[in-house]
PDB file of N, CA and C in Angstrom:
ATOM      1  N   MET A   1      -0.479   4.090  33.327  1.00  0.00           N
ATOM      2  CA  MET A   1      -0.639   2.736  32.819  1.00  0.00           C
ATOM      3  C   MET A   1      -1.797   2.695  31.819  1.00  0.00           C
ATOM      4  N   ARG A   2      -1.550   2.083  30.711  1.00  0.00           N
ATOM      5  CA  ARG A   2      -2.546   1.981  29.644  1.00  0.00           C
ATOM      6  C   ARG A   2      -3.289   0.651  29.782  1.00  0.00           C
ATOM      7  N   ILE A   3      -4.629   0.697  29.683  1.00  0.00           N
ATOM      8  CA  ILE A   3      -5.378  -0.551  29.765  1.00  0.00           C
ATOM      9  C   ILE A   3      -5.541  -1.139  28.370  1.00  0.00           C
ATOM     10  N   SER A   4      -5.706  -2.451  28.317  1.00  0.00           N
ATOM     11  CA  SER A   4      -5.803  -3.146  27.031  1.00  0.00           C
ATOM     12  C   SER A   4      -7.146  -2.865  26.361  1.00  0.00           C
ATOM     13  N   THR A   5      -7.205  -3.137  25.070  1.00  0.00           N
ATOM     14  CA  THR A   5      -8.460  -2.957  24.343  1.00  0.00           C
ATOM     15  C   THR A   5      -9.528  -3.916  24.856  1.00  0.00           C
ATOM     16  N   THR A   6      -9.112  -5.105  25.305  1.00  0.00           N
ATOM     17  CA  THR A   6     -10.066  -6.064  25.877  1.00  0.00           C
ATOM     18  C   THR A   6     -10.688  -5.496  27.142  1.00  0.00           C
ATOM     19  N   GLU A   7      -9.858  -4.930  28.009  1.00  0.00           N
ATOM     20  CA  GLU A   7     -10.373  -4.339  29.247  1.00  0.00           C
ATOM     21  C   GLU A   7     -11.266  -3.139  28.950  1.00  0.00           C
ATOM     22  N   THR A   8     -10.870  -2.331  27.970  1.00  0.00           N
ATOM     23  CA  THR A   8     -11.695  -1.189  27.577  1.00  0.00           C
ATOM     24  C   THR A   8     -13.047  -1.679  27.066  1.00  0.00           C
ATOM     25  N   GLY A   9     -13.033  -2.725  26.245  1.00  0.00           N
ATOM     26  CA  GLY A   9     -14.271  -3.294  25.717  1.00  0.00           C
ATOM     27  C   GLY A   9     -15.173  -3.825  26.807  1.00  0.00           C
ATOM     28  N   ARG A  10     -14.604  -4.543  27.766  1.00  0.00           N
ATOM     29  CA  ARG A  10     -15.403  -5.070  28.880  1.00  0.00           C
ATOM     30  C   ARG A  10     -16.010  -3.939  29.701  1.00  0.00           C
ATOM     31  N   SER A  11     -15.209  -2.915  29.951  1.00  0.00           N
ATOM     32  CA  SER A  11     -15.717  -1.762  30.706  1.00  0.00           C
ATOM     33  C   SER A  11     -16.867  -1.101  29.960  1.00  0.00           C
ATOM     34  N   GLY A  12     -16.727  -0.968  28.653  1.00  0.00           N
ATOM     35  CA  GLY A  12     -17.786  -0.378  27.842  1.00  0.00           C
ATOM     36  C   GLY A  12     -19.055  -1.205  27.864  1.00  0.00           C
ATOM     37  N   GLU A  13     -18.920  -2.527  27.801  1.00  0.00           N
ATOM     38  CA  GLU A  13     -20.093  -3.400  27.841  1.00  0.00           C
ATOM     39  C   GLU A  13     -20.790  -3.316  29.192  1.00  0.00           C
ATOM     40  N   LYS A  14     -20.022  -3.258  30.269  1.00  0.00           N
ATOM     41  CA  LYS A  14     -20.623  -3.125  31.604  1.00  0.00           C
ATOM     42  C   LYS A  14     -21.357  -1.799  31.735  1.00  0.00           C
ATOM     43  N   LEU A  15     -20.760  -0.740  31.226  1.00  0.00           N
ATOM     44  CA  LEU A  15     -21.398   0.569  31.271  1.00  0.00           C
ATOM     45  C   LEU A  15     -22.668   0.581  30.418  1.00  0.00           C
ATOM     46  N   ALA A  16     -22.612  -0.036  29.242  1.00  0.00           N
ATOM     47  CA  ALA A  16     -23.785  -0.123  28.370  1.00  0.00           C
ATOM     48  C   ALA A  16     -24.904  -0.894  29.066  1.00  0.00           C
ATOM     49  N   GLU A  17     -24.550  -1.981  29.741  1.00  0.00           N
ATOM     50  CA  GLU A  17     -25.556  -2.768  30.462  1.00  0.00           C
ATOM     51  C   GLU A  17     -26.209  -1.933  31.564  1.00  0.00           C
ATOM     52  N   LYS A  18     -25.406  -1.205  32.302  1.00  0.00           N
ATOM     53  CA  LYS A  18     -25.927  -0.340  33.365  1.00  0.00           C
ATOM     54  C   LYS A  18     -26.868   0.722  32.779  1.00  0.00           C
ATOM     55  N   TYR A  19     -26.447   1.305  31.682  1.00  0.00           N
ATOM     56  CA  TYR A  19     -27.252   2.311  30.985  1.00  0.00           C
ATOM     57  C   TYR A  19     -28.607   1.715  30.572  1.00  0.00           C
ATOM     58  N   LEU A  20     -28.579   0.534  29.968  1.00  0.00           N
ATOM     59  CA  LEU A  20     -29.812  -0.097  29.488  1.00  0.00           C
ATOM     60  C   LEU A  20     -30.751  -0.455  30.636  1.00  0.00           C
ATOM     61  N   THR A  21     -30.219  -1.066  31.689  1.00  0.00           N
ATOM     62  CA  THR A  21     -31.082  -1.459  32.810  1.00  0.00           C
ATOM     63  C   THR A  21     -31.705  -0.236  33.476  1.00  0.00           C
ATOM     64  N   SER A  22     -30.994   0.872  33.497  1.00  0.00           N
ATOM     65  CA  SER A  22     -31.557   2.096  34.085  1.00  0.00           C
ATOM     66  C   SER A  22     -32.703   2.650  33.241  1.00  0.00           C
ATOM     67  N   ARG A  23     -32.822   2.180  32.014  1.00  0.00           N
ATOM     68  CA  ARG A  23     -33.891   2.616  31.118  1.00  0.00           C
ATOM     69  C   ARG A  23     -34.948   1.537  30.897  1.00  0.00           C
ATOM     70  N   GLY A  24     -34.963   0.541  31.758  1.00  0.00           N
ATOM     71  CA  GLY A  24     -36.022  -0.456  31.719  1.00  0.00           C
ATOM     72  C   GLY A  24     -35.763  -1.685  30.874  1.00  0.00           C
ATOM     73  N   PHE A  25     -34.566  -1.848  30.346  1.00  0.00           N
ATOM     74  CA  PHE A  25     -34.222  -3.050  29.591  1.00  0.00           C
ATOM     75  C   PHE A  25     -33.936  -4.179  30.576  1.00  0.00           C
ATOM     76  N   LYS A  26     -34.414  -5.373  30.257  1.00  0.00           N
ATOM     77  CA  LYS A  26     -34.086  -6.555  31.061  1.00  0.00           C
ATOM     78  C   LYS A  26     -33.045  -7.355  30.277  1.00  0.00           C
ATOM     79  N   ILE A  27     -31.850  -7.464  30.829  1.00  0.00           N
ATOM     80  CA  ILE A  27     -30.764  -8.172  30.145  1.00  0.00           C
ATOM     81  C   ILE A  27     -31.016  -9.674  30.230  1.00  0.00           C
ATOM     82  N   MET A  28     -31.037 -10.330  29.074  1.00  0.00           N
ATOM     83  CA  MET A  28     -31.275 -11.768  28.992  1.00  0.00           C
ATOM     84  C   MET A  28     -29.969 -12.546  28.821  1.00  0.00           C
ATOM     85  N   ALA A  29     -28.981 -11.936  28.164  1.00  0.00           N
ATOM     86  CA  ALA A  29     -27.707 -12.630  27.918  1.00  0.00           C
ATOM     87  C   ALA A  29     -26.606 -11.610  27.663  1.00  0.00           C
ATOM     88  N   ARG A  30     -25.389 -12.023  28.038  1.00  0.00           N
ATOM     89  CA  ARG A  30     -24.189 -11.217  27.797  1.00  0.00           C
ATOM     90  C   ARG A  30     -23.209 -12.055  26.991  1.00  0.00           C
ATOM     91  N   ASN A  31     -22.622 -11.473  25.976  1.00  0.00           N
ATOM     92  CA  ASN A  31     -21.639 -12.168  25.135  1.00  0.00           C
ATOM     93  C   ASN A  31     -22.142 -13.549  24.716  1.00  0.00           C
ATOM     94  N   TRP A  32     -23.364 -13.582  24.201  1.00  0.00           N
ATOM     95  CA  TRP A  32     -23.988 -14.836  23.803  1.00  0.00           C
ATOM     96  C   TRP A  32     -23.340 -15.346  22.519  1.00  0.00           C
ATOM     97  N   ARG A  33     -22.916 -16.592  22.548  1.00  0.00           N
ATOM     98  CA  ARG A  33     -22.209 -17.187  21.405  1.00  0.00           C
ATOM     99  C   ARG A  33     -23.010 -18.322  20.781  1.00  0.00           C
ATOM    100  N   TRP A  34     -22.918 -18.384  19.473  1.00  0.00           N
ATOM    101  CA  TRP A  34     -23.451 -19.489  18.692  1.00  0.00           C
ATOM    102  C   TRP A  34     -22.421 -19.766  17.606  1.00  0.00           C
ATOM    103  N   PHE A  35     -21.761 -20.903  17.740  1.00  0.00           N
ATOM    104  CA  PHE A  35     -20.623 -21.245  16.884  1.00  0.00           C
ATOM    105  C   PHE A  35     -19.621 -20.097  16.911  1.00  0.00           C
ATOM    106  N   LYS A  36     -19.291 -19.525  15.764  1.00  0.00           N
ATOM    107  CA  LYS A  36     -18.282 -18.459  15.751  1.00  0.00           C
ATOM    108  C   LYS A  36     -18.893 -17.058  15.860  1.00  0.00           C
ATOM    109  N   TYR A  37     -20.192 -16.974  16.083  1.00  0.00           N
ATOM    110  CA  TYR A  37     -20.881 -15.689  16.134  1.00  0.00           C
ATOM    111  C   TYR A  37     -21.132 -15.277  17.584  1.00  0.00           C
ATOM    112  N   GLU A  38     -21.149 -13.967  17.829  1.00  0.00           N
ATOM    113  CA  GLU A  38     -21.384 -13.474  19.188  1.00  0.00           C
ATOM    114  C   GLU A  38     -22.231 -12.208  19.152  1.00  0.00           C
ATOM    115  N   ILE A  39     -23.094 -12.091  20.157  1.00  0.00           N
ATOM    116  CA  ILE A  39     -23.877 -10.875  20.364  1.00  0.00           C
ATOM    117  C   ILE A  39     -23.498 -10.345  21.740  1.00  0.00           C
ATOM    118  N   ASP A  40     -23.145  -9.063  21.811  1.00  0.00           N
ATOM    119  CA  ASP A  40     -22.666  -8.489  23.068  1.00  0.00           C
ATOM    120  C   ASP A  40     -23.721  -8.542  24.168  1.00  0.00           C
ATOM    121  N   LEU A  41     -24.906  -8.014  23.900  1.00  0.00           N
ATOM    122  CA  LEU A  41     -25.987  -8.006  24.886  1.00  0.00           C
ATOM    123  C   LEU A  41     -27.299  -8.346  24.199  1.00  0.00           C
ATOM    124  N   ILE A  42     -28.127  -9.101  24.907  1.00  0.00           N
ATOM    125  CA  ILE A  42     -29.476  -9.393  24.431  1.00  0.00           C
ATOM    126  C   ILE A  42     -30.411  -8.983  25.553  1.00  0.00           C
ATOM    127  N   ALA A  43     -31.439  -8.213  25.203  1.00  0.00           N
ATOM    128  CA  ALA A  43     -32.343  -7.686  26.220  1.00  0.00           C
ATOM    129  C   ALA A  43     -33.785  -7.744  25.726  1.00  0.00           C
ATOM    130  N   ILE A  44     -34.698  -7.583  26.674  1.00  0.00           N
ATOM    131  CA  ILE A  44     -36.117  -7.407  26.366  1.00  0.00           C
ATOM    132  C   ILE A  44     -36.466  -5.982  26.784  1.00  0.00           C
ATOM    133  N   HIS A  45     -37.131  -5.257  25.906  1.00  0.00           N
ATOM    134  CA  HIS A  45     -37.569  -3.902  26.240  1.00  0.00           C
ATOM    135  C   HIS A  45     -38.929  -3.658  25.609  1.00  0.00           C
ATOM    136  N   GLU A  46     -39.912  -3.421  26.460  1.00  0.00           N
ATOM    137  CA  GLU A  46     -41.275  -3.158  26.004  1.00  0.00           C
ATOM    138  C   GLU A  46     -41.769  -4.234  25.044  1.00  0.00           C
ATOM    139  N   GLY A  47     -41.509  -5.500  25.392  1.00  0.00           N
ATOM    140  CA  GLY A  47     -41.981  -6.628  24.606  1.00  0.00           C
ATOM    141  C   GLY A  47     -41.207  -6.914  23.333  1.00  0.00           C
ATOM    142  N   VAL A  48     -40.079  -6.260  23.148  1.00  0.00           N
ATOM    143  CA  VAL A  48     -39.247  -6.445  21.954  1.00  0.00           C
ATOM    144  C   VAL A  48     -37.916  -7.060  22.375  1.00  0.00           C
ATOM    145  N   VAL A  49     -37.466  -8.072  21.635  1.00  0.00           N
ATOM    146  CA  VAL A  49     -36.139  -8.640  21.877  1.00  0.00           C
ATOM    147  C   VAL A  49     -35.136  -7.722  21.175  1.00  0.00           C
ATOM    148  N   VAL A  50     -34.150  -7.237  21.942  1.00  0.00           N
ATOM    149  CA  VAL A  50     -33.182  -6.277  21.404  1.00  0.00           C
ATOM    150  C   VAL A  50     -31.792  -6.902  21.416  1.00  0.00           C
ATOM    151  N   PHE A  51     -31.180  -6.970  20.248  1.00  0.00           N
ATOM    152  CA  PHE A  51     -29.814  -7.472  20.103  1.00  0.00           C
ATOM    153  C   PHE A  51     -28.904  -6.250  20.013  1.00  0.00           C
ATOM    154  N   ILE A  52     -27.939  -6.168  20.921  1.00  0.00           N
ATOM    155  CA  ILE A  52     -27.156  -4.949  21.067  1.00  0.00           C
ATOM    156  C   ILE A  52     -25.679  -5.204  20.815  1.00  0.00           C
ATOM    157  N   GLU A  53     -25.126  -4.447  19.889  1.00  0.00           N
ATOM    158  CA  GLU A  53     -23.689  -4.442  19.635  1.00  0.00           C
ATOM    159  C   GLU A  53     -23.110  -3.236  20.359  1.00  0.00           C
ATOM    160  N   VAL A  54     -22.057  -3.464  21.147  1.00  0.00           N
ATOM    161  CA  VAL A  54     -21.411  -2.383  21.890  1.00  0.00           C
ATOM    162  C   VAL A  54     -20.048  -2.119  21.261  1.00  0.00           C
ATOM    163  N   LYS A  55     -19.822  -0.877  20.875  1.00  0.00           N
ATOM    164  CA  LYS A  55     -18.531  -0.452  20.318  1.00  0.00           C
ATOM    165  C   LYS A  55     -17.906   0.508  21.318  1.00  0.00           C
ATOM    166  N   THR A  56     -16.776   0.134  21.875  1.00  0.00           N
ATOM    167  CA  THR A  56     -16.098   0.967  22.862  1.00  0.00           C
ATOM    168  C   THR A  56     -14.772   1.442  22.289  1.00  0.00           C
ATOM    169  N   ARG A  57     -14.533   2.713  22.407  1.00  0.00           N
ATOM    170  CA  ARG A  57     -13.293   3.304  21.919  1.00  0.00           C
ATOM    171  C   ARG A  57     -12.759   4.267  22.968  1.00  0.00           C
ATOM    172  N   SER A  58     -11.489   4.551  22.857  1.00  0.00           N
ATOM    173  CA  SER A  58     -10.907   5.565  23.724  1.00  0.00           C
ATOM    174  C   SER A  58     -10.753   6.850  22.924  1.00  0.00           C
ATOM    175  N   SER A  59     -10.988   7.952  23.559  1.00  0.00           N
ATOM    176  CA  SER A  59     -10.904   9.304  22.995  1.00  0.00           C
ATOM    177  C   SER A  59     -11.640   9.419  21.668  1.00  0.00           C
ATOM    178  N   ARG A  60     -11.011  10.010  20.681  1.00  0.00           N
ATOM    179  CA  ARG A  60     -11.694  10.297  19.414  1.00  0.00           C
ATOM    180  C   ARG A  60     -11.803   9.102  18.489  1.00  0.00           C
ATOM    181  N   ALA A  61     -11.250   7.995  18.865  1.00  0.00           N
ATOM    182  CA  ALA A  61     -11.293   6.806  18.007  1.00  0.00           C
ATOM    183  C   ALA A  61     -12.719   6.331  17.774  1.00  0.00           C
ATOM    184  N   ILE A  62     -13.687   6.852  18.546  1.00  0.00           N
ATOM    185  CA  ILE A  62     -15.083   6.454  18.373  1.00  0.00           C
ATOM    186  C   ILE A  62     -15.569   6.778  16.961  1.00  0.00           C
ATOM    187  N   ASP A  63     -15.018   7.817  16.361  1.00  0.00           N
ATOM    188  CA  ASP A  63     -15.450   8.206  15.025  1.00  0.00           C
ATOM    189  C   ASP A  63     -15.029   7.199  13.966  1.00  0.00           C
ATOM    190  N   GLU A  64     -13.966   6.478  14.237  1.00  0.00           N
ATOM    191  CA  GLU A  64     -13.461   5.509  13.278  1.00  0.00           C
ATOM    192  C   GLU A  64     -13.823   4.093  13.724  1.00  0.00           C
ATOM    193  N   GLY A  65     -14.543   3.377  12.898  1.00  0.00           N
ATOM    194  CA  GLY A  65     -14.863   1.990  13.202  1.00  0.00           C
ATOM    195  C   GLY A  65     -15.983   1.803  14.195  1.00  0.00           C
ATOM    196  N   ALA A  66     -16.779   2.835  14.439  1.00  0.00           N
ATOM    197  CA  ALA A  66     -17.842   2.720  15.426  1.00  0.00           C
ATOM    198  C   ALA A  66     -19.185   2.369  14.799  1.00  0.00           C
ATOM    199  N   GLU A  67     -19.182   1.989  13.570  1.00  0.00           N
ATOM    200  CA  GLU A  67     -20.406   1.555  12.904  1.00  0.00           C
ATOM    201  C   GLU A  67     -20.356   0.043  12.730  1.00  0.00           C
ATOM    202  N   ILE A  68     -21.496  -0.533  12.404  1.00  0.00           N
ATOM    203  CA  ILE A  68     -21.560  -1.979  12.199  1.00  0.00           C
ATOM    204  C   ILE A  68     -21.526  -2.226  10.696  1.00  0.00           C
ATOM    205  N   LYS A  69     -20.448  -2.765  10.227  1.00  0.00           N
ATOM    206  CA  LYS A  69     -20.265  -3.018   8.795  1.00  0.00           C
ATOM    207  C   LYS A  69     -21.080  -4.247   8.370  1.00  0.00           C
ATOM    208  N   LEU A  70     -21.337  -4.362   7.083  1.00  0.00           N
ATOM    209  CA  LEU A  70     -22.203  -5.411   6.541  1.00  0.00           C
ATOM    210  C   LEU A  70     -21.800  -6.826   6.961  1.00  0.00           C
ATOM    211  N   PRO A  71     -20.533  -7.235   6.877  1.00  0.00           N
ATOM    212  CA  PRO A  71     -20.196  -8.604   7.301  1.00  0.00           C
ATOM    213  C   PRO A  71     -20.537  -8.871   8.772  1.00  0.00           C
ATOM    214  N   GLN A  72     -20.313  -7.876   9.624  1.00  0.00           N
ATOM    215  CA  GLN A  72     -20.649  -8.052  11.037  1.00  0.00           C
ATOM    216  C   GLN A  72     -22.163  -8.085  11.231  1.00  0.00           C
ATOM    217  N   ARG A  73     -22.891  -7.280  10.474  1.00  0.00           N
ATOM    218  CA  ARG A  73     -24.360  -7.324  10.543  1.00  0.00           C
ATOM    219  C   ARG A  73     -24.854  -8.728  10.231  1.00  0.00           C
ATOM    220  N   ARG A  74     -24.290  -9.318   9.192  1.00  0.00           N
ATOM    221  CA  ARG A  74     -24.707 -10.675   8.808  1.00  0.00           C
ATOM    222  C   ARG A  74     -24.456 -11.670   9.935  1.00  0.00           C
ATOM    223  N   ARG A  75     -23.292 -11.555  10.585  1.00  0.00           N
ATOM    224  CA  ARG A  75     -22.975 -12.463  11.699  1.00  0.00           C
ATOM    225  C   ARG A  75     -23.948 -12.259  12.859  1.00  0.00           C
ATOM    226  N   ILE A  76     -24.264 -11.015  13.159  1.00  0.00           N
ATOM    227  CA  ILE A  76     -25.194 -10.718  14.248  1.00  0.00           C
ATOM    228  C   ILE A  76     -26.579 -11.265  13.922  1.00  0.00           C
ATOM    229  N   ILE A  77     -27.019 -11.091  12.691  1.00  0.00           N
ATOM    230  CA  ILE A  77     -28.340 -11.586  12.288  1.00  0.00           C
ATOM    231  C   ILE A  77     -28.403 -13.108  12.383  1.00  0.00           C
ATOM    232  N   ARG A  78     -27.354 -13.795  11.959  1.00  0.00           N
ATOM    233  CA  ARG A  78     -27.333 -15.263  12.065  1.00  0.00           C
ATOM    234  C   ARG A  78     -27.417 -15.699  13.524  1.00  0.00           C
ATOM    235  N   ALA A  79     -26.634 -15.058  14.371  1.00  0.00           N
ATOM    236  CA  ALA A  79     -26.662 -15.398  15.796  1.00  0.00           C
ATOM    237  C   ALA A  79     -28.023 -15.065  16.396  1.00  0.00           C
ATOM    238  N   ALA A  80     -28.598 -13.937  16.020  1.00  0.00           N
ATOM    239  CA  ALA A  80     -29.908 -13.541  16.536  1.00  0.00           C
ATOM    240  C   ALA A  80     -30.981 -14.547  16.127  1.00  0.00           C
ATOM    241  N   SER A  81     -30.935 -15.002  14.892  1.00  0.00           N
ATOM    242  CA  SER A  81     -31.899 -16.013  14.427  1.00  0.00           C
ATOM    243  C   SER A  81     -31.784 -17.282  15.249  1.00  0.00           C
ATOM    244  N   ALA A  82     -30.556 -17.696  15.534  1.00  0.00           N
ATOM    245  CA  ALA A  82     -30.343 -18.891  16.356  1.00  0.00           C
ATOM    246  C   ALA A  82     -30.857 -18.666  17.771  1.00  0.00           C
ATOM    247  N   TYR A  83     -30.568 -17.505  18.344  1.00  0.00           N
ATOM    248  CA  TYR A  83     -31.033 -17.205  19.703  1.00  0.00           C
ATOM    249  C   TYR A  83     -32.558 -17.258  19.768  1.00  0.00           C
ATOM    250  N   LEU A  84     -33.217 -16.629  18.808  1.00  0.00           N
ATOM    251  CA  LEU A  84     -34.680 -16.624  18.793  1.00  0.00           C
ATOM    252  C   LEU A  84     -35.229 -18.041  18.680  1.00  0.00           C
ATOM    253  N   ALA A  85     -34.649 -18.842  17.805  1.00  0.00           N
ATOM    254  CA  ALA A  85     -35.117 -20.221  17.616  1.00  0.00           C
ATOM    255  C   ALA A  85     -34.947 -21.058  18.881  1.00  0.00           C
ATOM    256  N   MET A  86     -33.863 -20.820  19.619  1.00  0.00           N
ATOM    257  CA  MET A  86     -33.571 -21.630  20.808  1.00  0.00           C
ATOM    258  C   MET A  86     -34.211 -21.114  22.090  1.00  0.00           C
ATOM    259  N   ASN A  87     -34.491 -19.821  22.162  1.00  0.00           N
ATOM    260  CA  ASN A  87     -34.851 -19.244  23.456  1.00  0.00           C
ATOM    261  C   ASN A  87     -36.161 -18.480  23.526  1.00  0.00           C
ATOM    262  N   VAL A  88     -36.769 -18.170  22.408  1.00  0.00           N
ATOM    263  CA  VAL A  88     -37.962 -17.329  22.442  1.00  0.00           C
ATOM    264  C   VAL A  88     -39.160 -18.116  21.941  1.00  0.00           C
ATOM    265  N   LYS A  89     -40.159 -18.192  22.795  1.00  0.00           N
ATOM    266  CA  LYS A  89     -41.415 -18.847  22.423  1.00  0.00           C
ATOM    267  C   LYS A  89     -42.388 -17.768  21.961  1.00  0.00           C
ATOM    268  N   GLY A  90     -43.136 -18.070  20.947  1.00  0.00           N
ATOM    269  CA  GLY A  90     -44.094 -17.094  20.451  1.00  0.00           C
ATOM    270  C   GLY A  90     -43.491 -16.232  19.360  1.00  0.00           C
ATOM    271  N   ASN A  91     -44.229 -15.199  19.026  1.00  0.00           N
ATOM    272  CA  ASN A  91     -43.844 -14.355  17.900  1.00  0.00           C
ATOM    273  C   ASN A  91     -43.516 -12.942  18.380  1.00  0.00           C
ATOM    274  N   LEU A  92     -42.385 -12.788  19.032  1.00  0.00           N
ATOM    275  CA  LEU A  92     -41.953 -11.466  19.486  1.00  0.00           C
ATOM    276  C   LEU A  92     -41.196 -10.759  18.369  1.00  0.00           C
ATOM    277  N   SER A  93     -41.362  -9.458  18.314  1.00  0.00           N
ATOM    278  CA  SER A  93     -40.565  -8.707  17.343  1.00  0.00           C
ATOM    279  C   SER A  93     -39.174  -8.471  17.919  1.00  0.00           C
ATOM    280  N   CYS A  94     -38.249  -8.130  17.052  1.00  0.00           N
ATOM    281  CA  CYS A  94     -36.884  -7.876  17.509  1.00  0.00           C
ATOM    282  C   CYS A  94     -36.311  -6.688  16.759  1.00  0.00           C
ATOM    283  N   ARG A  95     -35.232  -6.161  17.306  1.00  0.00           N
ATOM    284  CA  ARG A  95     -34.518  -5.075  16.638  1.00  0.00           C
ATOM    285  C   ARG A  95     -33.044  -5.177  16.979  1.00  0.00           C
ATOM    286  N   PHE A  96     -32.249  -4.428  16.228  1.00  0.00           N
ATOM    287  CA  PHE A  96     -30.797  -4.437  16.384  1.00  0.00           C
ATOM    288  C   PHE A  96     -30.339  -3.026  16.738  1.00  0.00           C
ATOM    289  N   ASP A  97     -29.757  -2.886  17.925  1.00  0.00           N
ATOM    290  CA  ASP A  97     -29.290  -1.586  18.407  1.00  0.00           C
ATOM    291  C   ASP A  97     -27.770  -1.551  18.440  1.00  0.00           C
ATOM    292  N   LEU A  98     -27.251  -0.346  18.432  1.00  0.00           N
ATOM    293  CA  LEU A  98     -25.818  -0.101  18.575  1.00  0.00           C
ATOM    294  C   LEU A  98     -25.628   0.849  19.743  1.00  0.00           C
ATOM    295  N   ILE A  99     -24.707   0.517  20.625  1.00  0.00           N
ATOM    296  CA  ILE A  99     -24.313   1.452  21.676  1.00  0.00           C
ATOM    297  C   ILE A  99     -22.848   1.771  21.467  1.00  0.00           C
ATOM    298  N   ARG A 100     -22.583   3.058  21.280  1.00  0.00           N
ATOM    299  CA  ARG A 100     -21.204   3.532  21.132  1.00  0.00           C
ATOM    300  C   ARG A 100     -20.780   4.139  22.460  1.00  0.00           C
ATOM    301  N   VAL A 101     -19.666   3.652  22.977  1.00  0.00           N
ATOM    302  CA  VAL A 101     -19.137   4.126  24.255  1.00  0.00           C
ATOM    303  C   VAL A 101     -17.752   4.695  23.994  1.00  0.00           C
ATOM    304  N   ARG A 102     -17.502   5.860  24.558  1.00  0.00           N
ATOM    305  CA  ARG A 102     -16.183   6.473  24.406  1.00  0.00           C
ATOM    306  C   ARG A 102     -15.664   6.893  25.776  1.00  0.00           C
ATOM    307  N   LYS A 103     -14.410   6.603  26.001  1.00  0.00           N
ATOM    308  CA  LYS A 103     -13.753   7.041  27.229  1.00  0.00           C
ATOM    309  C   LYS A 103     -12.703   8.070  26.848  1.00  0.00           C
ATOM    310  N   SER A 104     -12.775   9.212  27.502  1.00  0.00           N
ATOM    311  CA  SER A 104     -11.816  10.274  27.231  1.00  0.00           C
ATOM    312  C   SER A 104     -11.496  11.004  28.526  1.00  0.00           C
ATOM    313  N   LYS A 105     -10.249  10.969  28.904  1.00  0.00           N
ATOM    314  CA  LYS A 105      -9.779  11.650  30.115  1.00  0.00           C
ATOM    315  C   LYS A 105     -10.603  11.277  31.343  1.00  0.00           C
ATOM    316  N   GLY A 106     -10.920  10.000  31.472  1.00  0.00           N
ATOM    317  CA  GLY A 106     -11.638   9.510  32.641  1.00  0.00           C
ATOM    318  C   GLY A 106     -13.149   9.630  32.576  1.00  0.00           C
ATOM    319  N   ASP A 107     -13.677  10.324  31.589  1.00  0.00           N
ATOM    320  CA  ASP A 107     -15.123  10.461  31.436  1.00  0.00           C
ATOM    321  C   ASP A 107     -15.628   9.485  30.382  1.00  0.00           C
ATOM    322  N   TRP A 108     -16.872   9.024  30.568  1.00  0.00           N
ATOM    323  CA  TRP A 108     -17.498   8.103  29.626  1.00  0.00           C
ATOM    324  C   TRP A 108     -18.621   8.823  28.892  1.00  0.00           C
ATOM    325  N   TRP A 109     -18.789   8.503  27.636  1.00  0.00           N
ATOM    326  CA  TRP A 109     -19.823   9.070  26.781  1.00  0.00           C
ATOM    327  C   TRP A 109     -20.549   7.906  26.118  1.00  0.00           C
ATOM    328  N   ILE A 110     -21.893   7.944  26.117  1.00  0.00           N
ATOM    329  CA  ILE A 110     -22.690   6.855  25.533  1.00  0.00           C
ATOM    330  C   ILE A 110     -23.643   7.417  24.487  1.00  0.00           C
ATOM    331  N   ASP A 111     -23.712   6.737  23.359  1.00  0.00           N
ATOM    332  CA  ASP A 111     -24.666   7.060  22.302  1.00  0.00           C
ATOM    333  C   ASP A 111     -25.414   5.775  21.967  1.00  0.00           C
ATOM    334  N   HIS A 112     -26.732   5.775  22.167  1.00  0.00           N
ATOM    335  CA  HIS A 112     -27.554   4.595  21.911  1.00  0.00           C
ATOM    336  C   HIS A 112     -28.329   4.810  20.613  1.00  0.00           C
ATOM    337  N   VAL A 113     -28.028   3.988  19.627  1.00  0.00           N
ATOM    338  CA  VAL A 113     -28.708   4.060  18.332  1.00  0.00           C
ATOM    339  C   VAL A 113     -29.688   2.895  18.257  1.00  0.00           C
ATOM    340  N   GLN A 114     -30.978   3.199  18.381  1.00  0.00           N
ATOM    341  CA  GLN A 114     -31.994   2.154  18.256  1.00  0.00           C
ATOM    342  C   GLN A 114     -32.223   1.859  16.782  1.00  0.00           C
ATOM    343  N   ASP A 115     -32.559   0.603  16.491  1.00  0.00           N
ATOM    344  CA  ASP A 115     -32.771   0.191  15.096  1.00  0.00           C
ATOM    345  C   ASP A 115     -31.589   0.604  14.220  1.00  0.00           C
ATOM    346  N   ALA A 116     -30.392   0.261  14.661  1.00  0.00           N
ATOM    347  CA  ALA A 116     -29.168   0.633  13.936  1.00  0.00           C
ATOM    348  C   ALA A 116     -29.146   0.037  12.531  1.00  0.00           C
ATOM    349  N   PHE A 117     -29.776  -1.123  12.384  1.00  0.00           N
ATOM    350  CA  PHE A 117     -29.936  -1.733  11.063  1.00  0.00           C
ATOM    351  C   PHE A 117     -31.098  -2.701  11.125  1.00  0.00           C
ATOM    352  N   GLU A 118     -31.615  -3.066   9.965  1.00  0.00           N
ATOM    353  CA  GLU A 118     -32.731  -4.004   9.886  1.00  0.00           C
ATOM    354  C   GLU A 118     -32.208  -5.407   9.647  1.00  0.00           C
ATOM    355  N   GLY A 119     -32.906  -6.379  10.193  1.00  0.00           N
ATOM    356  CA  GLY A 119     -32.510  -7.770  10.008  1.00  0.00           C
ATOM    357  C   GLY A 119     -32.543  -8.205   8.558  1.00  0.00           C
ATOM    358  N   ALA A 120     -33.406  -7.595   7.778  1.00  0.00           N
ATOM    359  CA  ALA A 120     -33.514  -7.959   6.364  1.00  0.00           C
ATOM    360  C   ALA A 120     -32.484  -7.240   5.498  1.00  0.00           C
ATOM    361  N   SER A 121     -31.746  -6.282   6.102  1.00  0.00           N
ATOM    362  CA  SER A 121     -30.825  -5.477   5.298  1.00  0.00           C
ATOM    363  C   SER A 121     -29.514  -6.183   4.981  1.00  0.00           C
ATOM    364  N   ALA A 122     -29.290  -7.309   5.599  1.00  0.00           N
ATOM    365  CA  ALA A 122     -28.025  -8.012   5.367  1.00  0.00           C
ATOM    366  C   ALA A 122     -28.299  -9.235   4.565  1.00  0.00           C
TER     367      ALA A 122
END
């Protein structure tokens, strides 16, 4: 039985969350939405607000489409700005991370790219 891409994505996000918490990240929000924009995970790590995009693929498909393209970066930055304005008091720094998750033959593979892009780059 083949699982849907939605189920694969949810599984990848749960695995990414588990991975992050095991490394000291405190998850603040999951699938946070602001109008039509969404951020997969928002966390605090060592005093930095981290906005995390999770890309989950099956088998070798991770190589294709596993980067954050410019239009999506812009959407993430807009949502991140709104999140900071609504939820963060003070002047905390932030960064944008990418977690690539791949499932192949029942095994999971995770690649965490810190500072995947800069907020000013979009």
